[in-house]
PDB file of all heavy atoms in Angstrom:
ATOM      1  N   SER A   1      65.326-155.606 131.449  1.00  0.00           N
ATOM      2  CA  SER A   1      66.401-155.017 132.260  1.00  0.00           C
ATOM      3  C   SER A   1      66.937-156.060 133.221  1.00  0.00           C
ATOM      4  O   SER A   1      66.191-156.981 133.607  1.00  0.00           O
ATOM      5  CB  SER A   1      65.907-153.752 132.991  1.00  0.00           C
ATOM      6  OG  SER A   1      64.815-154.074 133.842  1.00  0.00           O
ATOM      7  N   ARG A   2      68.187-155.927 133.679  1.00  0.00           N
ATOM      8  CA  ARG A   2      68.790-156.877 134.560  1.00  0.00           C
ATOM      9  C   ARG A   2      69.852-156.197 135.360  1.00  0.00           C
ATOM     10  O   ARG A   2      70.522-155.254 134.851  1.00  0.00           O
ATOM     11  CB  ARG A   2      69.386-158.014 133.766  1.00  0.00           C
ATOM     12  CG  ARG A   2      69.813-159.237 134.574  1.00  0.00           C
ATOM     13  CD  ARG A   2      70.254-160.418 133.721  1.00  0.00           C
ATOM     14  NE  ARG A   2      70.660-161.570 134.502  1.00  0.00           N
ATOM     15  CZ  ARG A   2      71.106-162.687 134.046  1.00  0.00           C
ATOM     16  NH1 ARG A   2      71.253-162.841 132.683  1.00  0.00           N
ATOM     17  NH2 ARG A   2      71.411-163.709 134.805  1.00  0.00           N
ATOM     18  N   SER A   3      70.027-156.593 136.595  1.00  0.00           N
ATOM     19  CA  SER A   3      71.052-155.962 137.481  1.00  0.00           C
ATOM     20  C   SER A   3      72.444-156.398 137.039  1.00  0.00           C
ATOM     21  O   SER A   3      72.637-157.416 136.360  1.00  0.00           O
ATOM     22  CB  SER A   3      70.799-156.340 138.911  1.00  0.00           C
ATOM     23  OG  SER A   3      70.857-157.749 139.088  1.00  0.00           O
ATOM     24  N   ARG A   4      73.420-155.623 137.443  1.00  0.00           N
ATOM     25  CA  ARG A   4      74.783-155.915 137.076  1.00  0.00           C
ATOM     26  C   ARG A   4      75.287-157.288 137.554  1.00  0.00           C
ATOM     27  O   ARG A   4      76.036-157.961 136.878  1.00  0.00           O
ATOM     28  CB  ARG A   4      75.727-154.837 137.614  1.00  0.00           C
ATOM     29  CG  ARG A   4      75.704-153.524 136.863  1.00  0.00           C
ATOM     30  CD  ARG A   4      76.802-152.579 137.348  1.00  0.00           C
ATOM     31  NE  ARG A   4      76.606-152.225 138.778  1.00  0.00           N
ATOM     32  CZ  ARG A   4      75.931-151.151 139.188  1.00  0.00           C
ATOM     33  NH1 ARG A   4      75.349-150.339 138.255  1.00  0.00           N
ATOM     34  NH2 ARG A   4      75.794-150.867 140.436  1.00  0.00           N
ATOM     35  N   ASP A   5      74.785-157.682 138.760  1.00  0.00           N
ATOM     36  CA  ASP A   5      75.217-158.998 139.246  1.00  0.00           C
ATOM     37  C   ASP A   5      74.429-160.162 138.639  1.00  0.00           C
ATOM     38  O   ASP A   5      74.706-161.322 138.924  1.00  0.00           O
ATOM     39  CB  ASP A   5      75.131-159.036 140.772  1.00  0.00           C
ATOM     40  CG  ASP A   5      73.706-158.851 141.304  1.00  0.00           C
ATOM     41  OD1 ASP A   5      72.721-158.921 140.524  1.00  0.00           O
ATOM     42  OD2 ASP A   5      73.575-158.627 142.518  1.00  0.00           O
ATOM     43  N   GLY A   6      73.400-159.854 137.818  1.00  0.00           N
ATOM     44  CA  GLY A   6      72.640-160.899 137.161  1.00  0.00           C
ATOM     45  C   GLY A   6      71.540-161.506 137.983  1.00  0.00           C
ATOM     46  O   GLY A   6      70.772-162.310 137.438  1.00  0.00           O
ATOM     47  N   ASN A   7      71.410-161.146 139.263  1.00  0.00           N
ATOM     48  CA  ASN A   7      70.507-161.855 140.157  1.00  0.00           C
ATOM     49  C   ASN A   7      69.061-161.295 140.131  1.00  0.00           C
ATOM     50  O   ASN A   7      68.161-161.989 140.629  1.00  0.00           O
ATOM     51  CB  ASN A   7      70.994-161.767 141.612  1.00  0.00           C
ATOM     52  CG  ASN A   7      72.294-162.543 141.798  1.00  0.00           C
ATOM     53  OD1 ASN A   7      72.512-163.531 141.091  1.00  0.00           O
ATOM     54  ND2 ASN A   7      73.192-162.044 142.707  1.00  0.00           N
ATOM     55  N   THR A   8      68.870-160.126 139.524  1.00  0.00           N
ATOM     56  CA  THR A   8      67.538-159.561 139.481  1.00  0.00           C
ATOM     57  C   THR A   8      67.267-159.118 138.058  1.00  0.00           C
ATOM     58  O   THR A   8      68.105-158.526 137.406  1.00  0.00           O
ATOM     59  CB  THR A   8      67.441-158.323 140.387  1.00  0.00           C
ATOM     60  OG1 THR A   8      67.846-158.727 141.751  1.00  0.00           O
ATOM     61  CG2 THR A   8      66.014-157.793 140.465  1.00  0.00           C
ATOM     62  N   MET A   9      66.073-159.427 137.558  1.00  0.00           N
ATOM     63  CA  MET A   9      65.726-159.062 136.156  1.00  0.00           C
ATOM     64  C   MET A   9      64.249-158.827 136.031  1.00  0.00           C
ATOM     65  O   MET A   9      63.426-159.334 136.827  1.00  0.00           O
ATOM     66  CB  MET A   9      66.187-160.117 135.160  1.00  0.00           C
ATOM     67  CG  MET A   9      65.483-161.428 135.255  1.00  0.00           C
ATOM     68  SD  MET A   9      66.170-162.697 134.140  1.00  0.00           S
ATOM     69  CE  MET A   9      67.583-163.286 135.105  1.00  0.00           C
ATOM     70  N   ILE A  10      63.862-158.039 135.037  1.00  0.00           N
ATOM     71  CA  ILE A  10      62.450-157.864 134.674  1.00  0.00           C
ATOM     72  C   ILE A  10      62.299-158.558 133.300  1.00  0.00           C
ATOM     73  O   ILE A  10      63.058-158.320 132.345  1.00  0.00           O
ATOM     74  CB  ILE A  10      62.084-156.401 134.534  1.00  0.00           C
ATOM     75  CG1 ILE A  10      62.278-155.696 135.874  1.00  0.00           C
ATOM     76  CG2 ILE A  10      60.657-156.244 134.040  1.00  0.00           C
ATOM     77  CD1 ILE A  10      61.384-156.240 136.997  1.00  0.00           C
ATOM     78  N   VAL A  11      61.292-159.432 133.244  1.00  0.00           N
ATOM     79  CA  VAL A  11      61.017-160.208 132.043  1.00  0.00           C
ATOM     80  C   VAL A  11      59.631-159.789 131.515  1.00  0.00           C
ATOM     81  O   VAL A  11      58.686-159.673 132.300  1.00  0.00           O
ATOM     82  CB  VAL A  11      61.007-161.712 132.329  1.00  0.00           C
ATOM     83  CG1 VAL A  11      60.757-162.509 131.063  1.00  0.00           C
ATOM     84  CG2 VAL A  11      62.363-162.129 132.971  1.00  0.00           C
ATOM     85  N   GLU A  12      59.554-159.583 130.222  1.00  0.00           N
ATOM     86  CA  GLU A  12      58.261-159.214 129.618  1.00  0.00           C
ATOM     87  C   GLU A  12      57.867-160.389 128.662  1.00  0.00           C
ATOM     88  O   GLU A  12      58.699-160.882 127.889  1.00  0.00           O
ATOM     89  CB  GLU A  12      58.358-157.950 128.774  1.00  0.00           C
ATOM     90  CG  GLU A  12      57.067-157.588 128.114  1.00  0.00           C
ATOM     91  CD  GLU A  12      57.218-156.399 127.113  1.00  0.00           C
ATOM     92  OE1 GLU A  12      58.361-156.093 126.756  1.00  0.00           O
ATOM     93  OE2 GLU A  12      56.206-155.790 126.773  1.00  0.00           O
ATOM     94  N   ASN A  13      56.624-160.763 128.690  1.00  0.00           N
ATOM     95  CA  ASN A  13      56.052-161.689 127.719  1.00  0.00           C
ATOM     96  C   ASN A  13      54.945-161.028 126.966  1.00  0.00           C
ATOM     97  O   ASN A  13      54.141-160.255 127.520  1.00  0.00           O
ATOM     98  CB  ASN A  13      55.481-162.906 128.443  1.00  0.00           C
ATOM     99  CG  ASN A  13      54.837-163.905 127.467  1.00  0.00           C
ATOM    100  OD1 ASN A  13      55.483-164.384 126.555  1.00  0.00           O
ATOM    101  ND2 ASN A  13      53.541-164.209 127.637  1.00  0.00           N
ATOM    102  N   VAL A  14      54.879-161.304 125.650  1.00  0.00           N
ATOM    103  CA  VAL A  14      53.800-160.766 124.827  1.00  0.00           C
ATOM    104  C   VAL A  14      53.460-161.817 123.773  1.00  0.00           C
ATOM    105  O   VAL A  14      54.362-162.434 123.244  1.00  0.00           O
ATOM    106  CB  VAL A  14      54.191-159.420 124.218  1.00  0.00           C
ATOM    107  CG1 VAL A  14      55.382-159.516 123.274  1.00  0.00           C
ATOM    108  CG2 VAL A  14      52.979-158.812 123.436  1.00  0.00           C
ATOM    109  N   GLY A  15      52.137-161.972 123.541  1.00  0.00           N
ATOM    110  CA  GLY A  15      51.755-162.996 122.568  1.00  0.00           C
ATOM    111  C   GLY A  15      50.218-162.917 122.358  1.00  0.00           C
ATOM    112  O   GLY A  15      49.545-162.101 123.001  1.00  0.00           O
ATOM    113  N   PRO A  16      49.705-163.805 121.566  1.00  0.00           N
ATOM    114  CA  PRO A  16      48.268-163.748 121.234  1.00  0.00           C
ATOM    115  C   PRO A  16      47.376-163.814 122.473  1.00  0.00           C
ATOM    116  O   PRO A  16      46.307-163.238 122.466  1.00  0.00           O
ATOM    117  CB  PRO A  16      48.059-164.979 120.344  1.00  0.00           C
ATOM    118  CG  PRO A  16      49.389-165.179 119.729  1.00  0.00           C
ATOM    119  CD  PRO A  16      50.374-164.820 120.743  1.00  0.00           C
ATOM    120  N   ARG A  17      47.779-164.537 123.524  1.00  0.00           N
ATOM    121  CA  ARG A  17      46.984-164.665 124.736  1.00  0.00           C
ATOM    122  C   ARG A  17      47.548-163.850 125.921  1.00  0.00           C
ATOM    123  O   ARG A  17      47.127-164.073 127.053  1.00  0.00           O
ATOM    124  CB  ARG A  17      46.766-166.139 125.105  1.00  0.00           C
ATOM    125  CG  ARG A  17      45.962-166.885 124.037  1.00  0.00           C
ATOM    126  CD  ARG A  17      45.720-168.338 124.452  1.00  0.00           C
ATOM    127  NE  ARG A  17      44.943-169.027 123.433  1.00  0.00           N
ATOM    128  CZ  ARG A  17      43.601-169.161 123.467  1.00  0.00           C
ATOM    129  NH1 ARG A  17      42.902-168.607 124.476  1.00  0.00           N
ATOM    130  NH2 ARG A  17      42.975-169.812 122.531  1.00  0.00           N
ATOM    131  N   ASP A  18      48.479-162.962 125.601  1.00  0.00           N
ATOM    132  CA  ASP A  18      49.048-162.111 126.644  1.00  0.00           C
ATOM    133  C   ASP A  18      49.429-160.805 126.013  1.00  0.00           C
ATOM    134  O   ASP A  18      50.423-160.699 125.282  1.00  0.00           O
ATOM    135  CB  ASP A  18      50.252-162.780 127.265  1.00  0.00           C
ATOM    136  CG  ASP A  18      50.880-161.982 128.437  1.00  0.00           C
ATOM    137  OD1 ASP A  18      50.447-160.847 128.641  1.00  0.00           O
ATOM    138  OD2 ASP A  18      51.771-162.539 129.096  1.00  0.00           O
ATOM    139  N   PRO A  19      48.631-159.711 126.268  1.00  0.00           N
ATOM    140  CA  PRO A  19      48.935-158.431 125.630  1.00  0.00           C
ATOM    141  C   PRO A  19      50.263-157.800 126.123  1.00  0.00           C
ATOM    142  O   PRO A  19      50.755-156.877 125.522  1.00  0.00           O
ATOM    143  CB  PRO A  19      47.722-157.555 126.057  1.00  0.00           C
ATOM    144  CG  PRO A  19      47.204-158.183 127.294  1.00  0.00           C
ATOM    145  CD  PRO A  19      47.484-159.659 127.127  1.00  0.00           C
ATOM    146  N   GLY A  20      50.820-158.371 127.190  1.00  0.00           N
ATOM    147  CA  GLY A  20      52.037-157.884 127.732  1.00  0.00           C
ATOM    148  C   GLY A  20      52.037-157.996 129.216  1.00  0.00           C
ATOM    149  O   GLY A  20      51.287-157.324 129.917  1.00  0.00           O
ATOM    150  N   SER A  21      52.850-158.922 129.755  1.00  0.00           N
ATOM    151  CA  SER A  21      52.937-159.112 131.224  1.00  0.00           C
ATOM    152  C   SER A  21      54.386-158.909 131.633  1.00  0.00           C
ATOM    153  O   SER A  21      55.336-159.184 130.913  1.00  0.00           O
ATOM    154  CB  SER A  21      52.455-160.474 131.636  1.00  0.00           C
ATOM    155  OG  SER A  21      53.172-161.521 131.039  1.00  0.00           O
ATOM    156  N   TYR A  22      54.567-158.416 132.920  1.00  0.00           N
ATOM    157  CA  TYR A  22      55.897-158.115 133.458  1.00  0.00           C
ATOM    158  C   TYR A  22      56.102-158.991 134.691  1.00  0.00           C
ATOM    159  O   TYR A  22      55.247-159.058 135.579  1.00  0.00           O
ATOM    160  CB  TYR A  22      55.977-156.620 133.848  1.00  0.00           C
ATOM    161  CG  TYR A  22      55.902-155.735 132.582  1.00  0.00           C
ATOM    162  CD1 TYR A  22      54.643-155.219 132.170  1.00  0.00           C
ATOM    163  CD2 TYR A  22      57.019-155.385 131.863  1.00  0.00           C
ATOM    164  CE1 TYR A  22      54.540-154.408 131.069  1.00  0.00           C
ATOM    165  CE2 TYR A  22      56.938-154.563 130.751  1.00  0.00           C
ATOM    166  CZ  TYR A  22      55.715-154.092 130.355  1.00  0.00           C
ATOM    167  OH  TYR A  22      55.635-153.249 129.266  1.00  0.00           O
ATOM    168  N   TRP A  23      57.300-159.548 134.720  1.00  0.00           N
ATOM    169  CA  TRP A  23      57.634-160.509 135.750  1.00  0.00           C
ATOM    170  C   TRP A  23      58.988-160.129 136.407  1.00  0.00           C
ATOM    171  O   TRP A  23      59.907-159.755 135.700  1.00  0.00           O
ATOM    172  CB  TRP A  23      57.798-161.916 135.178  1.00  0.00           C
ATOM    173  CG  TRP A  23      56.462-162.397 134.545  1.00  0.00           C
ATOM    174  CD1 TRP A  23      56.005-162.018 133.309  1.00  0.00           C
ATOM    175  CD2 TRP A  23      55.594-163.308 135.086  1.00  0.00           C
ATOM    176  NE1 TRP A  23      54.852-162.673 133.078  1.00  0.00           N
ATOM    177  CE2 TRP A  23      54.491-163.453 134.157  1.00  0.00           C
ATOM    178  CE3 TRP A  23      55.526-163.995 136.299  1.00  0.00           C
ATOM    179  CZ2 TRP A  23      53.423-164.272 134.370  1.00  0.00           C
ATOM    180  CZ3 TRP A  23      54.439-164.818 136.537  1.00  0.00           C
ATOM    181  CH2 TRP A  23      53.381-164.955 135.562  1.00  0.00           C
ATOM    182  N   LEU A  24      58.991-160.164 137.759  1.00  0.00           N
ATOM    183  CA  LEU A  24      60.226-159.932 138.467  1.00  0.00           C
ATOM    184  C   LEU A  24      60.898-161.319 138.821  1.00  0.00           C
ATOM    185  O   LEU A  24      60.239-162.184 139.394  1.00  0.00           O
ATOM    186  CB  LEU A  24      59.931-159.217 139.782  1.00  0.00           C
ATOM    187  CG  LEU A  24      61.137-159.081 140.778  1.00  0.00           C
ATOM    188  CD1 LEU A  24      62.253-158.234 140.157  1.00  0.00           C
ATOM    189  CD2 LEU A  24      60.643-158.510 142.082  1.00  0.00           C
ATOM    190  N   VAL A  25      62.148-161.487 138.437  1.00  0.00           N
ATOM    191  CA  VAL A  25      62.914-162.617 138.796  1.00  0.00           C
ATOM    192  C   VAL A  25      64.038-162.123 139.719  1.00  0.00           C
ATOM    193  O   VAL A  25      64.842-161.286 139.306  1.00  0.00           O
ATOM    194  CB  VAL A  25      63.492-163.369 137.558  1.00  0.00           C
ATOM    195  CG1 VAL A  25      64.361-164.539 138.026  1.00  0.00           C
ATOM    196  CG2 VAL A  25      62.380-163.842 136.660  1.00  0.00           C
ATOM    197  N   LYS A  26      64.026-162.602 140.951  1.00  0.00           N
ATOM    198  CA  LYS A  26      65.009-162.130 141.947  1.00  0.00           C
ATOM    199  C   LYS A  26      65.460-163.324 142.801  1.00  0.00           C
ATOM    200  O   LYS A  26      64.649-163.987 143.445  1.00  0.00           O
ATOM    201  CB  LYS A  26      64.419-161.048 142.806  1.00  0.00           C
ATOM    202  CG  LYS A  26      65.390-160.487 143.883  1.00  0.00           C
ATOM    203  CD  LYS A  26      64.738-159.333 144.615  1.00  0.00           C
ATOM    204  CE  LYS A  26      65.597-158.913 145.818  1.00  0.00           C
ATOM    205  NZ  LYS A  26      66.952-158.484 145.428  1.00  0.00           N
ATOM    206  N   ASP A  27      66.780-163.577 142.758  1.00  0.00           N
ATOM    207  CA  ASP A  27      67.362-164.631 143.581  1.00  0.00           C
ATOM    208  C   ASP A  27      66.626-165.944 143.448  1.00  0.00           C
ATOM    209  O   ASP A  27      66.322-166.679 144.423  1.00  0.00           O
ATOM    210  CB  ASP A  27      67.355-164.227 145.039  1.00  0.00           C
ATOM    211  CG  ASP A  27      68.158-162.930 145.285  1.00  0.00           C
ATOM    212  OD1 ASP A  27      69.162-162.746 144.585  1.00  0.00           O
ATOM    213  OD2 ASP A  27      67.767-162.135 146.161  1.00  0.00           O
ATOM    214  N   GLY A  28      66.272-166.297 142.158  1.00  0.00           N
ATOM    215  CA  GLY A  28      65.684-167.605 141.891  1.00  0.00           C
ATOM    216  C   GLY A  28      64.179-167.684 142.107  1.00  0.00           C
ATOM    217  O   GLY A  28      63.581-168.754 141.914  1.00  0.00           O
ATOM    218  N   GLN A  29      63.546-166.536 142.499  1.00  0.00           N
ATOM    219  CA  GLN A  29      62.068-166.512 142.654  1.00  0.00           C
ATOM    220  C   GLN A  29      61.497-165.640 141.583  1.00  0.00           C
ATOM    221  O   GLN A  29      62.120-164.642 141.131  1.00  0.00           O
ATOM    222  CB  GLN A  29      61.716-165.977 144.046  1.00  0.00           C
ATOM    223  CG  GLN A  29      62.126-166.902 145.186  1.00  0.00           C
ATOM    224  CD  GLN A  29      61.668-166.429 146.550  1.00  0.00           C
ATOM    225  OE1 GLN A  29      61.549-165.233 146.768  1.00  0.00           O
ATOM    226  NE2 GLN A  29      61.410-167.355 147.450  1.00  0.00           N
ATOM    227  N   MET A  30      60.269-165.922 141.156  1.00  0.00           N
ATOM    228  CA  MET A  30      59.638-165.201 140.101  1.00  0.00           C
ATOM    229  C   MET A  30      58.204-164.807 140.515  1.00  0.00           C
ATOM    230  O   MET A  30      57.469-165.610 141.124  1.00  0.00           O
ATOM    231  CB  MET A  30      59.578-166.055 138.819  1.00  0.00           C
ATOM    232  CG  MET A  30      58.926-165.321 137.616  1.00  0.00           C
ATOM    233  SD  MET A  30      59.184-166.249 136.060  1.00  0.00           S
ATOM    234  CE  MET A  30      58.169-167.653 136.364  1.00  0.00           C
ATOM    235  N   ALA A  31      57.810-163.569 140.196  1.00  0.00           N
ATOM    236  CA  ALA A  31      56.462-163.118 140.533  1.00  0.00           C
ATOM    237  C   ALA A  31      55.990-162.155 139.439  1.00  0.00           C
ATOM    238  O   ALA A  31      56.773-161.396 138.872  1.00  0.00           O
ATOM    239  CB  ALA A  31      56.442-162.404 141.875  1.00  0.00           C
ATOM    240  N   LYS A  32      54.654-162.233 139.155  1.00  0.00           N
ATOM    241  CA  LYS A  32      54.084-161.323 138.198  1.00  0.00           C
ATOM    242  C   LYS A  32      53.835-159.972 138.827  1.00  0.00           C
ATOM    243  O   LYS A  32      53.267-159.831 139.879  1.00  0.00           O
ATOM    244  CB  LYS A  32      52.750-161.891 137.686  1.00  0.00           C
ATOM    245  CG  LYS A  32      52.166-161.074 136.535  1.00  0.00           C
ATOM    246  CD  LYS A  32      50.906-161.747 135.982  1.00  0.00           C
ATOM    247  CE  LYS A  32      50.304-160.916 134.847  1.00  0.00           C
ATOM    248  NZ  LYS A  32      49.088-161.592 134.271  1.00  0.00           N
ATOM    249  N   LEU A  33      54.282-158.883 138.136  1.00  0.00           N
ATOM    250  CA  LEU A  33      54.138-157.531 138.584  1.00  0.00           C
ATOM    251  C   LEU A  33      52.938-156.845 138.055  1.00  0.00           C
ATOM    252  O   LEU A  33      52.348-155.972 138.703  1.00  0.00           O
ATOM    253  CB  LEU A  33      55.384-156.730 138.272  1.00  0.00           C
ATOM    254  CG  LEU A  33      56.682-157.204 138.909  1.00  0.00           C
ATOM    255  CD1 LEU A  33      57.873-156.415 138.372  1.00  0.00           C
ATOM    256  CD2 LEU A  33      56.619-157.031 140.417  1.00  0.00           C
ATOM    257  N   GLY A  34      52.514-157.118 136.829  1.00  0.00           N
ATOM    258  CA  GLY A  34      51.412-156.426 136.206  1.00  0.00           C
ATOM    259  C   GLY A  34      51.249-156.742 134.755  1.00  0.00           C
ATOM    260  O   GLY A  34      52.046-157.542 134.191  1.00  0.00           O
ATOM    261  N   SER A  35      50.295-156.136 134.129  1.00  0.00           N
ATOM    262  CA  SER A  35      49.969-156.416 132.730  1.00  0.00           C
ATOM    263  C   SER A  35      49.563-155.157 132.015  1.00  0.00           C
ATOM    264  O   SER A  35      49.082-154.215 132.588  1.00  0.00           O
ATOM    265  CB  SER A  35      48.781-157.419 132.716  1.00  0.00           C
ATOM    266  OG  SER A  35      48.329-157.596 131.388  1.00  0.00           O
ATOM    267  N   THR A  36      49.809-155.233 130.694  1.00  0.00           N
ATOM    268  CA  THR A  36      49.381-154.129 129.808  1.00  0.00           C
ATOM    269  C   THR A  36      47.868-153.945 129.893  1.00  0.00           C
ATOM    270  O   THR A  36      47.357-152.835 129.881  1.00  0.00           O
ATOM    271  CB  THR A  36      49.830-154.417 128.377  1.00  0.00           C
ATOM    272  OG1 THR A  36      51.250-154.442 128.345  1.00  0.00           O
ATOM    273  CG2 THR A  36      49.310-153.326 127.429  1.00  0.00           C
ATOM    274  N   ASN A  37      47.158-155.054 129.923  1.00  0.00           N
ATOM    275  CA  ASN A  37      45.685-155.026 130.115  1.00  0.00           C
ATOM    276  C   ASN A  37      45.260-156.139 131.050  1.00  0.00           C
ATOM    277  O   ASN A  37      44.965-157.250 130.552  1.00  0.00           O
ATOM    278  CB  ASN A  37      44.982-155.085 128.773  1.00  0.00           C
ATOM    279  CG  ASN A  37      43.505-154.703 128.886  1.00  0.00           C
ATOM    280  OD1 ASN A  37      42.845-154.920 129.922  1.00  0.00           O
ATOM    281  ND2 ASN A  37      42.925-154.188 127.833  1.00  0.00           N
ATOM    282  N   PRO A  38      45.200-155.886 132.356  1.00  0.00           N
ATOM    283  CA  PRO A  38      44.898-156.982 133.270  1.00  0.00           C
ATOM    284  C   PRO A  38      43.490-157.444 133.243  1.00  0.00           C
ATOM    285  O   PRO A  38      43.120-158.466 133.841  1.00  0.00           O
ATOM    286  CB  PRO A  38      45.210-156.351 134.626  1.00  0.00           C
ATOM    287  CG  PRO A  38      45.053-154.865 134.411  1.00  0.00           C
ATOM    288  CD  PRO A  38      45.492-154.639 133.045  1.00  0.00           C
TER     289      PRO A  38
END
């Protein structure tokens, strides 16, 4: 998902060494929010 102005988005990664992680990107900064299995 991403905001209309493009400045905020949620990014998901999934792969063999990541069951699913969620990242917030906002105004050029990025932080991990959580995981499918932390």
